[in-house]
Amino acid sequence: MSQQAEHTGAFEQGLLSYTEMCYSVALALTRDSHQAQELATRVLTWACQQRDGAHGGKDTKKRLLRELREQFLQHYARFCTVSGKRLLIRKGHTMYCPICRGEYREGFSRCSDCDEALVHAEAGI
């Protein structure tokens, strides 16, 4: 077995060990299992494409987490300002509590924690 093949095999084994971590972080970011699976797959695919680069085996965990964040912000979220506060808006969430910044899907009218009337995220953009 060549040294390159050994390196590639070791990298892929290491990457597989981070699959669950990637999914868990993606789920925490997106709060949606389908989007989390999509995001984790996107990042792991990106990592496989990077394996032959100069930093292929270095700081894999840190690079995966950084890429998860970047991909999340690029494809699954945006920021808006509601009541003077900057909010992260996740794909699929359109209503927010102006007090605690809780996120709600369309159809809810009051915050379950604050009992405050929810506002549309688009109102502050």
PDB file of N, CA and C in Angstrom:
ATOM      1  N   MET A   1       0.846  -1.171   0.000  1.00  0.00           N
ATOM      2  CA  MET A   1       0.000   0.000   0.000  1.00  0.00           C
ATOM      3  C   MET A   1       0.897   1.241   0.000  1.00  0.00           C
ATOM      4  N   SER A   2       0.581   2.180  -0.851  1.00  0.00           N
ATOM      5  CA  SER A   2       1.405   3.387  -0.942  1.00  0.00           C
ATOM      6  C   SER A   2       1.149   4.304   0.252  1.00  0.00           C
ATOM      7  N   GLN A   3       2.081   5.207   0.472  1.00  0.00           N
ATOM      8  CA  GLN A   3       1.964   6.140   1.584  1.00  0.00           C
ATOM      9  C   GLN A   3       0.756   7.061   1.378  1.00  0.00           C
ATOM     10  N   GLN A   4       0.506   7.469   0.120  1.00  0.00           N
ATOM     11  CA  GLN A   4      -0.639   8.323  -0.190  1.00  0.00           C
ATOM     12  C   GLN A   4      -1.950   7.602   0.140  1.00  0.00           C
ATOM     13  N   ALA A   5      -2.040   6.322  -0.212  1.00  0.00           N
ATOM     14  CA  ALA A   5      -3.248   5.541   0.068  1.00  0.00           C
ATOM     15  C   ALA A   5      -3.452   5.392   1.573  1.00  0.00           C
ATOM     16  N   GLU A   6      -2.369   5.193   2.316  1.00  0.00           N
ATOM     17  CA  GLU A   6      -2.460   5.085   3.770  1.00  0.00           C
ATOM     18  C   GLU A   6      -2.948   6.409   4.371  1.00  0.00           C
ATOM     19  N   HIS A   7      -2.397   7.510   3.865  1.00  0.00           N
ATOM     20  CA  HIS A   7      -2.783   8.837   4.341  1.00  0.00           C
ATOM     21  C   HIS A   7      -4.269   9.082   4.069  1.00  0.00           C
ATOM     22  N   THR A   8      -4.722   8.749   2.869  1.00  0.00           N
ATOM     23  CA  THR A   8      -6.114   8.945   2.489  1.00  0.00           C
ATOM     24  C   THR A   8      -7.024   8.082   3.360  1.00  0.00           C
ATOM     25  N   GLY A   9      -6.645   6.828   3.580  1.00  0.00           N
ATOM     26  CA  GLY A   9      -7.431   5.933   4.425  1.00  0.00           C
ATOM     27  C   GLY A   9      -7.533   6.434   5.849  1.00  0.00           C
ATOM     28  N   ALA A  10      -6.422   6.895   6.395  1.00  0.00           N
ATOM     29  CA  ALA A  10      -6.409   7.424   7.765  1.00  0.00           C
ATOM     30  C   ALA A  10      -7.273   8.679   7.865  1.00  0.00           C
ATOM     31  N   PHE A  11      -7.193   9.532   6.845  1.00  0.00           N
ATOM     32  CA  PHE A  11      -7.989  10.757   6.848  1.00  0.00           C
ATOM     33  C   PHE A  11      -9.481  10.416   6.815  1.00  0.00           C
ATOM     34  N   GLU A  12      -9.857   9.484   5.957  1.00  0.00           N
ATOM     35  CA  GLU A  12     -11.268   9.112   5.839  1.00  0.00           C
ATOM     36  C   GLU A  12     -11.783   8.471   7.128  1.00  0.00           C
ATOM     37  N   GLN A  13     -10.957   7.658   7.797  1.00  0.00           N
ATOM     38  CA  GLN A  13     -11.344   7.066   9.077  1.00  0.00           C
ATOM     39  C   GLN A  13     -11.546   8.165  10.124  1.00  0.00           C
ATOM     40  N   GLY A  14     -10.628   9.126  10.149  1.00  0.00           N
ATOM     41  CA  GLY A  14     -10.760  10.241  11.080  1.00  0.00           C
ATOM     42  C   GLY A  14     -12.011  11.050  10.808  1.00  0.00           C
ATOM     43  N   LEU A  15     -12.293  11.262   9.534  1.00  0.00           N
ATOM     44  CA  LEU A  15     -13.471  12.023   9.141  1.00  0.00           C
ATOM     45  C   LEU A  15     -14.751  11.292   9.556  1.00  0.00           C
ATOM     46  N   LEU A  16     -14.770   9.996   9.397  1.00  0.00           N
ATOM     47  CA  LEU A  16     -15.935   9.203   9.818  1.00  0.00           C
ATOM     48  C   LEU A  16     -16.179   9.350  11.318  1.00  0.00           C
ATOM     49  N   SER A  17     -15.109   9.474  12.083  1.00  0.00           N
ATOM     50  CA  SER A  17     -15.270   9.611  13.530  1.00  0.00           C
ATOM     51  C   SER A  17     -15.918  10.945  13.892  1.00  0.00           C
ATOM     52  N   TYR A  18     -15.880  11.914  13.001  1.00  0.00           N
ATOM     53  CA  TYR A  18     -16.487  13.225  13.248  1.00  0.00           C
ATOM     54  C   TYR A  18     -17.893  13.355  12.678  1.00  0.00           C
ATOM     55  N   THR A  19     -18.401  12.317  12.032  1.00  0.00           N
ATOM     56  CA  THR A  19     -19.713  12.389  11.407  1.00  0.00           C
ATOM     57  C   THR A  19     -20.803  12.710  12.420  1.00  0.00           C
ATOM     58  N   GLU A  20     -20.816  11.991  13.531  1.00  0.00           N
ATOM     59  CA  GLU A  20     -21.839  12.226  14.553  1.00  0.00           C
ATOM     60  C   GLU A  20     -21.711  13.628  15.147  1.00  0.00           C
ATOM     61  N   MET A  21     -20.472  14.070  15.371  1.00  0.00           N
ATOM     62  CA  MET A  21     -20.260  15.409  15.900  1.00  0.00           C
ATOM     63  C   MET A  21     -20.809  16.448  14.936  1.00  0.00           C
ATOM     64  N   CYS A  22     -20.532  16.277  13.648  1.00  0.00           N
ATOM     65  CA  CYS A  22     -21.018  17.230  12.641  1.00  0.00           C
ATOM     66  C   CYS A  22     -22.537  17.295  12.645  1.00  0.00           C
ATOM     67  N   TYR A  23     -23.176  16.131  12.711  1.00  0.00           N
ATOM     68  CA  TYR A  23     -24.640  16.109  12.715  1.00  0.00           C
ATOM     69  C   TYR A  23     -25.182  16.786  13.978  1.00  0.00           C
ATOM     70  N   SER A  24     -24.588  16.507  15.127  1.00  0.00           N
ATOM     71  CA  SER A  24     -25.052  17.099  16.386  1.00  0.00           C
ATOM     72  C   SER A  24     -24.938  18.619  16.366  1.00  0.00           C
ATOM     73  N   VAL A  25     -23.819  19.118  15.876  1.00  0.00           N
ATOM     74  CA  VAL A  25     -23.623  20.564  15.790  1.00  0.00           C
ATOM     75  C   VAL A  25     -24.591  21.165  14.770  1.00  0.00           C
ATOM     76  N   ALA A  26     -24.749  20.501  13.637  1.00  0.00           N
ATOM     77  CA  ALA A  26     -25.674  20.987  12.608  1.00  0.00           C
ATOM     78  C   ALA A  26     -27.099  21.024  13.147  1.00  0.00           C
ATOM     79  N   LEU A  27     -27.487  20.026  13.930  1.00  0.00           N
ATOM     80  CA  LEU A  27     -28.828  19.997  14.516  1.00  0.00           C
ATOM     81  C   LEU A  27     -29.004  21.135  15.517  1.00  0.00           C
ATOM     82  N   ALA A  28     -27.982  21.411  16.300  1.00  0.00           N
ATOM     83  CA  ALA A  28     -28.051  22.525  17.245  1.00  0.00           C
ATOM     84  C   ALA A  28     -28.177  23.859  16.510  1.00  0.00           C
ATOM     85  N   LEU A  29     -27.518  23.982  15.374  1.00  0.00           N
ATOM     86  CA  LEU A  29     -27.582  25.219  14.604  1.00  0.00           C
ATOM     87  C   LEU A  29     -28.918  25.387  13.896  1.00  0.00           C
ATOM     88  N   THR A  30     -29.352  24.350  13.198  1.00  0.00           N
ATOM     89  CA  THR A  30     -30.560  24.468  12.370  1.00  0.00           C
ATOM     90  C   THR A  30     -31.850  24.197  13.131  1.00  0.00           C
ATOM     91  N   ARG A  31     -31.775  23.363  14.162  1.00  0.00           N
ATOM     92  CA  ARG A  31     -32.940  22.937  14.937  1.00  0.00           C
ATOM     93  C   ARG A  31     -33.959  22.187  14.068  1.00  0.00           C
ATOM     94  N   ASP A  32     -33.462  21.522  13.044  1.00  0.00           N
ATOM     95  CA  ASP A  32     -34.312  20.765  12.126  1.00  0.00           C
ATOM     96  C   ASP A  32     -33.511  19.567  11.637  1.00  0.00           C
ATOM     97  N   SER A  33     -34.021  18.354  11.830  1.00  0.00           N
ATOM     98  CA  SER A  33     -33.243  17.157  11.515  1.00  0.00           C
ATOM     99  C   SER A  33     -32.912  17.033  10.034  1.00  0.00           C
ATOM    100  N   HIS A  34     -33.843  17.394   9.154  1.00  0.00           N
ATOM    101  CA  HIS A  34     -33.571  17.310   7.716  1.00  0.00           C
ATOM    102  C   HIS A  34     -32.488  18.309   7.315  1.00  0.00           C
ATOM    103  N   GLN A  35     -32.611  19.540   7.778  1.00  0.00           N
ATOM    104  CA  GLN A  35     -31.595  20.554   7.468  1.00  0.00           C
ATOM    105  C   GLN A  35     -30.253  20.184   8.091  1.00  0.00           C
ATOM    106  N   ALA A  36     -30.270  19.590   9.280  1.00  0.00           N
ATOM    107  CA  ALA A  36     -29.025  19.185   9.943  1.00  0.00           C
ATOM    108  C   ALA A  36     -28.311  18.111   9.130  1.00  0.00           C
ATOM    109  N   GLN A  37     -29.062  17.147   8.639  1.00  0.00           N
ATOM    110  CA  GLN A  37     -28.468  16.089   7.821  1.00  0.00           C
ATOM    111  C   GLN A  37     -27.890  16.681   6.535  1.00  0.00           C
ATOM    112  N   GLU A  38     -28.626  17.581   5.927  1.00  0.00           N
ATOM    113  CA  GLU A  38     -28.174  18.255   4.705  1.00  0.00           C
ATOM    114  C   GLU A  38     -26.890  19.053   4.957  1.00  0.00           C
ATOM    115  N   LEU A  39     -26.865  19.808   6.057  1.00  0.00           N
ATOM    116  CA  LEU A  39     -25.706  20.624   6.397  1.00  0.00           C
ATOM    117  C   LEU A  39     -24.491  19.757   6.723  1.00  0.00           C
ATOM    118  N   ALA A  40     -24.671  18.715   7.515  1.00  0.00           N
ATOM    119  CA  ALA A  40     -23.560  17.829   7.860  1.00  0.00           C
ATOM    120  C   ALA A  40     -23.002  17.151   6.617  1.00  0.00           C
ATOM    121  N   THR A  41     -23.866  16.704   5.737  1.00  0.00           N
ATOM    122  CA  THR A  41     -23.422  16.080   4.485  1.00  0.00           C
ATOM    123  C   THR A  41     -22.636  17.067   3.641  1.00  0.00           C
ATOM    124  N   ARG A  42     -23.128  18.300   3.560  1.00  0.00           N
ATOM    125  CA  ARG A  42     -22.446  19.348   2.793  1.00  0.00           C
ATOM    126  C   ARG A  42     -21.028  19.584   3.327  1.00  0.00           C
ATOM    127  N   VAL A  43     -20.898  19.637   4.643  1.00  0.00           N
ATOM    128  CA  VAL A  43     -19.595  19.912   5.269  1.00  0.00           C
ATOM    129  C   VAL A  43     -18.657  18.716   5.148  1.00  0.00           C
ATOM    130  N   LEU A  44     -19.164  17.507   5.344  1.00  0.00           N
ATOM    131  CA  LEU A  44     -18.316  16.326   5.219  1.00  0.00           C
ATOM    132  C   LEU A  44     -17.856  16.130   3.772  1.00  0.00           C
ATOM    133  N   THR A  45     -18.711  16.444   2.822  1.00  0.00           N
ATOM    134  CA  THR A  45     -18.319  16.398   1.406  1.00  0.00           C
ATOM    135  C   THR A  45     -17.219  17.418   1.140  1.00  0.00           C
ATOM    136  N   TRP A  46     -17.388  18.621   1.692  1.00  0.00           N
ATOM    137  CA  TRP A  46     -16.367  19.665   1.555  1.00  0.00           C
ATOM    138  C   TRP A  46     -15.037  19.166   2.137  1.00  0.00           C
ATOM    139  N   ALA A  47     -15.100  18.523   3.297  1.00  0.00           N
ATOM    140  CA  ALA A  47     -13.878  18.036   3.951  1.00  0.00           C
ATOM    141  C   ALA A  47     -13.184  16.974   3.102  1.00  0.00           C
ATOM    142  N   CYS A  48     -13.955  16.087   2.489  1.00  0.00           N
ATOM    143  CA  CYS A  48     -13.357  15.063   1.619  1.00  0.00           C
ATOM    144  C   CYS A  48     -12.637  15.707   0.437  1.00  0.00           C
ATOM    145  N   GLN A  49     -13.195  16.774  -0.082  1.00  0.00           N
ATOM    146  CA  GLN A  49     -12.566  17.467  -1.206  1.00  0.00           C
ATOM    147  C   GLN A  49     -11.291  18.178  -0.780  1.00  0.00           C
ATOM    148  N   GLN A  50     -11.190  18.506   0.512  1.00  0.00           N
ATOM    149  CA  GLN A  50     -10.022  19.216   1.038  1.00  0.00           C
ATOM    150  C   GLN A  50      -8.889  18.289   1.450  1.00  0.00           C
ATOM    151  N   ARG A  51      -9.132  16.991   1.517  1.00  0.00           N
ATOM    152  CA  ARG A  51      -8.159  16.058   2.094  1.00  0.00           C
ATOM    153  C   ARG A  51      -6.810  16.056   1.392  1.00  0.00           C
ATOM    154  N   ASP A  52      -6.786  16.388   0.110  1.00  0.00           N
ATOM    155  CA  ASP A  52      -5.527  16.381  -0.617  1.00  0.00           C
ATOM    156  C   ASP A  52      -4.813  17.729  -0.559  1.00  0.00           C
ATOM    157  N   GLY A  53      -5.446  18.712   0.094  1.00  0.00           N
ATOM    158  CA  GLY A  53      -4.848  20.035   0.204  1.00  0.00           C
ATOM    159  C   GLY A  53      -3.702  20.043   1.205  1.00  0.00           C
ATOM    160  N   ALA A  54      -3.105  21.168   1.335  1.00  0.00           N
ATOM    161  CA  ALA A  54      -1.938  21.309   2.206  1.00  0.00           C
ATOM    162  C   ALA A  54      -2.253  21.004   3.670  1.00  0.00           C
ATOM    163  N   HIS A  55      -3.514  21.267   4.087  1.00  0.00           N
ATOM    164  CA  HIS A  55      -3.873  21.069   5.488  1.00  0.00           C
ATOM    165  C   HIS A  55      -4.805  19.875   5.659  1.00  0.00           C
ATOM    166  N   GLY A  56      -4.758  18.929   4.749  1.00  0.00           N
ATOM    167  CA  GLY A  56      -5.669  17.797   4.730  1.00  0.00           C
ATOM    168  C   GLY A  56      -5.876  17.092   6.045  1.00  0.00           C
ATOM    169  N   GLY A  57      -4.844  16.848   6.815  1.00  0.00           N
ATOM    170  CA  GLY A  57      -4.999  16.092   8.049  1.00  0.00           C
ATOM    171  C   GLY A  57      -4.839  16.914   9.309  1.00  0.00           C
ATOM    172  N   LYS A  58      -4.597  18.194   9.182  1.00  0.00           N
ATOM    173  CA  LYS A  58      -4.316  19.028  10.351  1.00  0.00           C
ATOM    174  C   LYS A  58      -5.580  19.713  10.866  1.00  0.00           C
ATOM    175  N   ASP A  59      -5.752  19.702  12.171  1.00  0.00           N
ATOM    176  CA  ASP A  59      -6.853  20.403  12.823  1.00  0.00           C
ATOM    177  C   ASP A  59      -8.205  20.101  12.185  1.00  0.00           C
ATOM    178  N   THR A  60      -8.457  18.836  11.899  1.00  0.00           N
ATOM    179  CA  THR A  60      -9.679  18.452  11.198  1.00  0.00           C
ATOM    180  C   THR A  60     -10.925  18.897  11.952  1.00  0.00           C
ATOM    181  N   LYS A  61     -10.966  18.655  13.243  1.00  0.00           N
ATOM    182  CA  LYS A  61     -12.151  19.015  14.020  1.00  0.00           C
ATOM    183  C   LYS A  61     -12.414  20.518  13.968  1.00  0.00           C
ATOM    184  N   LYS A  62     -11.378  21.313  14.162  1.00  0.00           N
ATOM    185  CA  LYS A  62     -11.518  22.765  14.139  1.00  0.00           C
ATOM    186  C   LYS A  62     -11.981  23.247  12.766  1.00  0.00           C
ATOM    187  N   ARG A  63     -11.424  22.664  11.717  1.00  0.00           N
ATOM    188  CA  ARG A  63     -11.788  23.061  10.353  1.00  0.00           C
ATOM    189  C   ARG A  63     -13.229  22.657  10.039  1.00  0.00           C
ATOM    190  N   LEU A  64     -13.661  21.482  10.526  1.00  0.00           N
ATOM    191  CA  LEU A  64     -15.044  21.056  10.303  1.00  0.00           C
ATOM    192  C   LEU A  64     -16.021  21.996  11.006  1.00  0.00           C
ATOM    193  N   LEU A  65     -15.725  22.351  12.249  1.00  0.00           N
ATOM    194  CA  LEU A  65     -16.606  23.250  12.991  1.00  0.00           C
ATOM    195  C   LEU A  65     -16.673  24.629  12.346  1.00  0.00           C
ATOM    196  N   ARG A  66     -15.533  25.115  11.883  1.00  0.00           N
ATOM    197  CA  ARG A  66     -15.507  26.418  11.205  1.00  0.00           C
ATOM    198  C   ARG A  66     -16.345  26.369   9.925  1.00  0.00           C
ATOM    199  N   GLU A  67     -16.197  25.289   9.167  1.00  0.00           N
ATOM    200  CA  GLU A  67     -16.951  25.152   7.918  1.00  0.00           C
ATOM    201  C   GLU A  67     -18.444  24.952   8.196  1.00  0.00           C
ATOM    202  N   LEU A  68     -18.789  24.225   9.257  1.00  0.00           N
ATOM    203  CA  LEU A  68     -20.197  24.087   9.640  1.00  0.00           C
ATOM    204  C   LEU A  68     -20.817  25.459   9.885  1.00  0.00           C
ATOM    205  N   ARG A  69     -20.106  26.276  10.625  1.00  0.00           N
ATOM    206  CA  ARG A  69     -20.601  27.629  10.925  1.00  0.00           C
ATOM    207  C   ARG A  69     -20.775  28.433   9.642  1.00  0.00           C
ATOM    208  N   GLU A  70     -19.761  28.411   8.789  1.00  0.00           N
ATOM    209  CA  GLU A  70     -19.824  29.184   7.544  1.00  0.00           C
ATOM    210  C   GLU A  70     -20.957  28.714   6.632  1.00  0.00           C
ATOM    211  N   GLN A  71     -21.085  27.397   6.479  1.00  0.00           N
ATOM    212  CA  GLN A  71     -22.148  26.844   5.628  1.00  0.00           C
ATOM    213  C   GLN A  71     -23.526  27.158   6.218  1.00  0.00           C
ATOM    214  N   PHE A  72     -23.650  27.077   7.538  1.00  0.00           N
ATOM    215  CA  PHE A  72     -24.913  27.402   8.197  1.00  0.00           C
ATOM    216  C   PHE A  72     -25.302  28.845   7.913  1.00  0.00           C
ATOM    217  N   LEU A  73     -24.366  29.748   8.130  1.00  0.00           N
ATOM    218  CA  LEU A  73     -24.664  31.163   7.900  1.00  0.00           C
ATOM    219  C   LEU A  73     -24.951  31.458   6.428  1.00  0.00           C
ATOM    220  N   GLN A  74     -24.277  30.780   5.542  1.00  0.00           N
ATOM    221  CA  GLN A  74     -24.453  31.027   4.116  1.00  0.00           C
ATOM    222  C   GLN A  74     -25.768  30.454   3.581  1.00  0.00           C
ATOM    223  N   HIS A  75     -26.180  29.279   4.046  1.00  0.00           N
ATOM    224  CA  HIS A  75     -27.312  28.587   3.436  1.00  0.00           C
ATOM    225  C   HIS A  75     -28.549  28.436   4.313  1.00  0.00           C
ATOM    226  N   TYR A  76     -28.426  28.588   5.613  1.00  0.00           N
ATOM    227  CA  TYR A  76     -29.538  28.262   6.497  1.00  0.00           C
ATOM    228  C   TYR A  76     -29.949  29.390   7.436  1.00  0.00           C
ATOM    229  N   ALA A  77     -29.354  30.549   7.335  1.00  0.00           N
ATOM    230  CA  ALA A  77     -29.678  31.618   8.275  1.00  0.00           C
ATOM    231  C   ALA A  77     -29.389  32.984   7.672  1.00  0.00           C
ATOM    232  N   ARG A  78     -29.921  33.976   8.332  1.00  0.00           N
ATOM    233  CA  ARG A  78     -29.588  35.361   8.008  1.00  0.00           C
ATOM    234  C   ARG A  78     -29.787  36.170   9.293  1.00  0.00           C
ATOM    235  N   PHE A  79     -29.345  37.390   9.298  1.00  0.00           N
ATOM    236  CA  PHE A  79     -29.523  38.245  10.461  1.00  0.00           C
ATOM    237  C   PHE A  79     -30.524  39.335  10.122  1.00  0.00           C
ATOM    238  N   CYS A  80     -31.292  39.751  11.123  1.00  0.00           N
ATOM    239  CA  CYS A  80     -32.168  40.912  10.969  1.00  0.00           C
ATOM    240  C   CYS A  80     -32.197  41.635  12.307  1.00  0.00           C
ATOM    241  N   THR A  81     -32.770  42.803  12.312  1.00  0.00           N
ATOM    242  CA  THR A  81     -32.885  43.582  13.535  1.00  0.00           C
ATOM    243  C   THR A  81     -34.357  43.690  13.894  1.00  0.00           C
ATOM    244  N   VAL A  82     -34.693  43.284  15.096  1.00  0.00           N
ATOM    245  CA  VAL A  82     -36.055  43.373  15.597  1.00  0.00           C
ATOM    246  C   VAL A  82     -35.996  44.153  16.901  1.00  0.00           C
ATOM    247  N   SER A  83     -36.749  45.224  16.971  1.00  0.00           N
ATOM    248  CA  SER A  83     -36.782  46.078  18.167  1.00  0.00           C
ATOM    249  C   SER A  83     -35.385  46.507  18.592  1.00  0.00           C
ATOM    250  N   GLY A  84     -34.551  46.826  17.634  1.00  0.00           N
ATOM    251  CA  GLY A  84     -33.202  47.295  17.908  1.00  0.00           C
ATOM    252  C   GLY A  84     -32.197  46.214  18.266  1.00  0.00           C
ATOM    253  N   LYS A  85     -32.621  44.946  18.231  1.00  0.00           N
ATOM    254  CA  LYS A  85     -31.723  43.841  18.576  1.00  0.00           C
ATOM    255  C   LYS A  85     -31.420  43.034  17.331  1.00  0.00           C
ATOM    256  N   ARG A  86     -30.160  42.663  17.151  1.00  0.00           N
ATOM    257  CA  ARG A  86     -29.749  41.850  16.004  1.00  0.00           C
ATOM    258  C   ARG A  86     -30.085  40.389  16.290  1.00  0.00           C
ATOM    259  N   LEU A  87     -30.873  39.781  15.408  1.00  0.00           N
ATOM    260  CA  LEU A  87     -31.302  38.400  15.593  1.00  0.00           C
ATOM    261  C   LEU A  87     -30.806  37.519  14.466  1.00  0.00           C
ATOM    262  N   LEU A  88     -30.489  36.297  14.823  1.00  0.00           N
ATOM    263  CA  LEU A  88     -30.163  35.267  13.850  1.00  0.00           C
ATOM    264  C   LEU A  88     -31.480  34.613  13.461  1.00  0.00           C
ATOM    265  N   ILE A  89     -31.770  34.552  12.177  1.00  0.00           N
ATOM    266  CA  ILE A  89     -33.008  33.938  11.706  1.00  0.00           C
ATOM    267  C   ILE A  89     -32.668  32.631  11.030  1.00  0.00           C
ATOM    268  N   ARG A  90     -33.210  31.552  11.556  1.00  0.00           N
ATOM    269  CA  ARG A  90     -33.007  30.240  10.958  1.00  0.00           C
ATOM    270  C   ARG A  90     -34.047  30.029   9.873  1.00  0.00           C
ATOM    271  N   LYS A  91     -33.660  29.319   8.839  1.00  0.00           N
ATOM    272  CA  LYS A  91     -34.559  28.989   7.749  1.00  0.00           C
ATOM    273  C   LYS A  91     -35.822  28.341   8.314  1.00  0.00           C
ATOM    274  N   GLY A  92     -36.987  28.863   7.955  1.00  0.00           N
ATOM    275  CA  GLY A  92     -38.248  28.298   8.417  1.00  0.00           C
ATOM    276  C   GLY A  92     -38.844  29.003   9.627  1.00  0.00           C
ATOM    277  N   HIS A  93     -38.081  29.861  10.297  1.00  0.00           N
ATOM    278  CA  HIS A  93     -38.603  30.606  11.441  1.00  0.00           C
ATOM    279  C   HIS A  93     -38.862  32.041  11.002  1.00  0.00           C
ATOM    280  N   THR A  94     -40.069  32.536  11.265  1.00  0.00           N
ATOM    281  CA  THR A  94     -40.389  33.887  10.827  1.00  0.00           C
ATOM    282  C   THR A  94     -40.886  34.784  11.952  1.00  0.00           C
ATOM    283  N   MET A  95     -41.216  34.207  13.107  1.00  0.00           N
ATOM    284  CA  MET A  95     -41.753  34.984  14.225  1.00  0.00           C
ATOM    285  C   MET A  95     -40.761  34.943  15.387  1.00  0.00           C
ATOM    286  N   TYR A  96     -40.620  36.099  16.083  1.00  0.00           N
ATOM    287  CA  TYR A  96     -39.658  36.214  17.170  1.00  0.00           C
ATOM    288  C   TYR A  96     -40.229  37.011  18.326  1.00  0.00           C
ATOM    289  N   CYS A  97     -39.800  36.655  19.530  1.00  0.00           N
ATOM    290  CA  CYS A  97     -40.166  37.420  20.719  1.00  0.00           C
ATOM    291  C   CYS A  97     -39.180  38.582  20.844  1.00  0.00           C
ATOM    292  N   PRO A  98     -39.671  39.805  20.926  1.00  0.00           N
ATOM    293  CA  PRO A  98     -38.747  40.945  21.039  1.00  0.00           C
ATOM    294  C   PRO A  98     -38.054  41.022  22.397  1.00  0.00           C
ATOM    295  N   ILE A  99     -38.532  40.264  23.392  1.00  0.00           N
ATOM    296  CA  ILE A  99     -37.931  40.280  24.726  1.00  0.00           C
ATOM    297  C   ILE A  99     -36.808  39.247  24.844  1.00  0.00           C
ATOM    298  N   CYS A 100     -37.145  37.964  24.661  1.00  0.00           N
ATOM    299  CA  CYS A 100     -36.155  36.899  24.884  1.00  0.00           C
ATOM    300  C   CYS A 100     -35.518  36.387  23.588  1.00  0.00           C
ATOM    301  N   ARG A 101     -35.981  36.874  22.452  1.00  0.00           N
ATOM    302  CA  ARG A 101     -35.476  36.479  21.130  1.00  0.00           C
ATOM    303  C   ARG A 101     -35.817  35.037  20.765  1.00  0.00           C
ATOM    304  N   GLY A 102     -36.818  34.479  21.405  1.00  0.00           N
ATOM    305  CA  GLY A 102     -37.259  33.126  21.070  1.00  0.00           C
ATOM    306  C   GLY A 102     -37.775  33.075  19.639  1.00  0.00           C
ATOM    307  N   GLU A 103     -37.518  31.975  18.953  1.00  0.00           N
ATOM    308  CA  GLU A 103     -37.915  31.807  17.560  1.00  0.00           C
ATOM    309  C   GLU A 103     -39.178  30.974  17.461  1.00  0.00           C
ATOM    310  N   TYR A 104     -40.065  31.366  16.595  1.00  0.00           N
ATOM    311  CA  TYR A 104     -41.316  30.630  16.388  1.00  0.00           C
ATOM    312  C   TYR A 104     -41.622  30.544  14.903  1.00  0.00           C
ATOM    313  N   ARG A 105     -42.289  29.473  14.547  1.00  0.00           N
ATOM    314  CA  ARG A 105     -42.762  29.321  13.174  1.00  0.00           C
ATOM    315  C   ARG A 105     -44.059  30.110  13.007  1.00  0.00           C
ATOM    316  N   GLU A 106     -44.407  30.394  11.771  1.00  0.00           N
ATOM    317  CA  GLU A 106     -45.654  31.088  11.452  1.00  0.00           C
ATOM    318  C   GLU A 106     -46.817  30.360  12.111  1.00  0.00           C
ATOM    319  N   GLY A 107     -47.766  31.105  12.650  1.00  0.00           N
ATOM    320  CA  GLY A 107     -48.926  30.507  13.294  1.00  0.00           C
ATOM    321  C   GLY A 107     -48.957  30.761  14.795  1.00  0.00           C
ATOM    322  N   PHE A 108     -47.823  31.052  15.397  1.00  0.00           N
ATOM    323  CA  PHE A 108     -47.777  31.390  16.814  1.00  0.00           C
ATOM    324  C   PHE A 108     -47.932  32.900  16.951  1.00  0.00           C
ATOM    325  N   SER A 109     -48.556  33.345  18.041  1.00  0.00           N
ATOM    326  CA  SER A 109     -48.757  34.784  18.207  1.00  0.00           C
ATOM    327  C   SER A 109     -48.133  35.342  19.483  1.00  0.00           C
ATOM    328  N   ARG A 110     -47.891  34.481  20.501  1.00  0.00           N
ATOM    329  CA  ARG A 110     -47.318  34.938  21.760  1.00  0.00           C
ATOM    330  C   ARG A 110     -46.168  34.038  22.166  1.00  0.00           C
ATOM    331  N   CYS A 111     -45.188  34.620  22.856  1.00  0.00           N
ATOM    332  CA  CYS A 111     -44.047  33.868  23.370  1.00  0.00           C
ATOM    333  C   CYS A 111     -44.503  33.003  24.537  1.00  0.00           C
ATOM    334  N   SER A 112     -44.121  31.741  24.518  1.00  0.00           N
ATOM    335  CA  SER A 112     -44.520  30.823  25.588  1.00  0.00           C
ATOM    336  C   SER A 112     -43.790  31.120  26.901  1.00  0.00           C
ATOM    337  N   ASP A 113     -42.658  31.805  26.844  1.00  0.00           N
ATOM    338  CA  ASP A 113     -41.902  32.138  28.058  1.00  0.00           C
ATOM    339  C   ASP A 113     -42.267  33.508  28.616  1.00  0.00           C
ATOM    340  N   CYS A 114     -42.366  34.507  27.738  1.00  0.00           N
ATOM    341  CA  CYS A 114     -42.571  35.897  28.165  1.00  0.00           C
ATOM    342  C   CYS A 114     -44.025  36.354  28.064  1.00  0.00           C
ATOM    343  N   ASP A 115     -44.845  35.615  27.340  1.00  0.00           N
ATOM    344  CA  ASP A 115     -46.221  35.992  27.030  1.00  0.00           C
ATOM    345  C   ASP A 115     -46.272  37.324  26.278  1.00  0.00           C
ATOM    346  N   GLU A 116     -45.195  37.624  25.571  1.00  0.00           N
ATOM    347  CA  GLU A 116     -45.106  38.843  24.760  1.00  0.00           C
ATOM    348  C   GLU A 116     -45.616  38.537  23.352  1.00  0.00           C
ATOM    349  N   ALA A 117     -46.243  39.528  22.711  1.00  0.00           N
ATOM    350  CA  ALA A 117     -46.686  39.367  21.329  1.00  0.00           C
ATOM    351  C   ALA A 117     -45.465  39.194  20.428  1.00  0.00           C
ATOM    352  N   LEU A 118     -45.525  38.207  19.548  1.00  0.00           N
ATOM    353  CA  LEU A 118     -44.421  37.952  18.628  1.00  0.00           C
ATOM    354  C   LEU A 118     -44.440  38.948  17.496  1.00  0.00           C
ATOM    355  N   VAL A 119     -43.286  39.179  16.905  1.00  0.00           N
ATOM    356  CA  VAL A 119     -43.173  40.068  15.754  1.00  0.00           C
ATOM    357  C   VAL A 119     -42.626  39.275  14.565  1.00  0.00           C
ATOM    358  N   HIS A 120     -42.973  39.720  13.364  1.00  0.00           N
ATOM    359  CA  HIS A 120     -42.433  39.112  12.153  1.00  0.00           C
ATOM    360  C   HIS A 120     -40.988  39.536  12.000  1.00  0.00           C
ATOM    361  N   ALA A 121     -40.122  38.621  11.653  1.00  0.00           N
ATOM    362  CA  ALA A 121     -38.708  38.934  11.467  1.00  0.00           C
ATOM    363  C   ALA A 121     -38.528  39.952  10.354  1.00  0.00           C
ATOM    364  N   GLU A 122     -39.342  39.853   9.312  1.00  0.00           N
ATOM    365  CA  GLU A 122     -39.217  40.765   8.181  1.00  0.00           C
ATOM    366  C   GLU A 122     -39.513  42.218   8.567  1.00  0.00           C
ATOM    367  N   ALA A 123     -40.239  42.412   9.679  1.00  0.00           N
ATOM    368  CA  ALA A 123     -40.586  43.765  10.119  1.00  0.00           C
ATOM    369  C   ALA A 123     -39.352  44.568  10.492  1.00  0.00           C
ATOM    370  N   GLY A 124     -38.299  43.876  10.929  1.00  0.00           N
ATOM    371  CA  GLY A 124     -37.100  44.578  11.357  1.00  0.00           C
ATOM    372  C   GLY A 124     -36.005  44.637  10.329  1.00  0.00           C
ATOM    373  N   ILE A 125     -36.230  44.067   9.155  1.00  0.00           N
ATOM    374  CA  ILE A 125     -35.170  44.027   8.146  1.00  0.00           C
ATOM    375  C   ILE A 125     -35.102  45.331   7.405  1.00  0.00           C
TER     376      ILE A 125
END
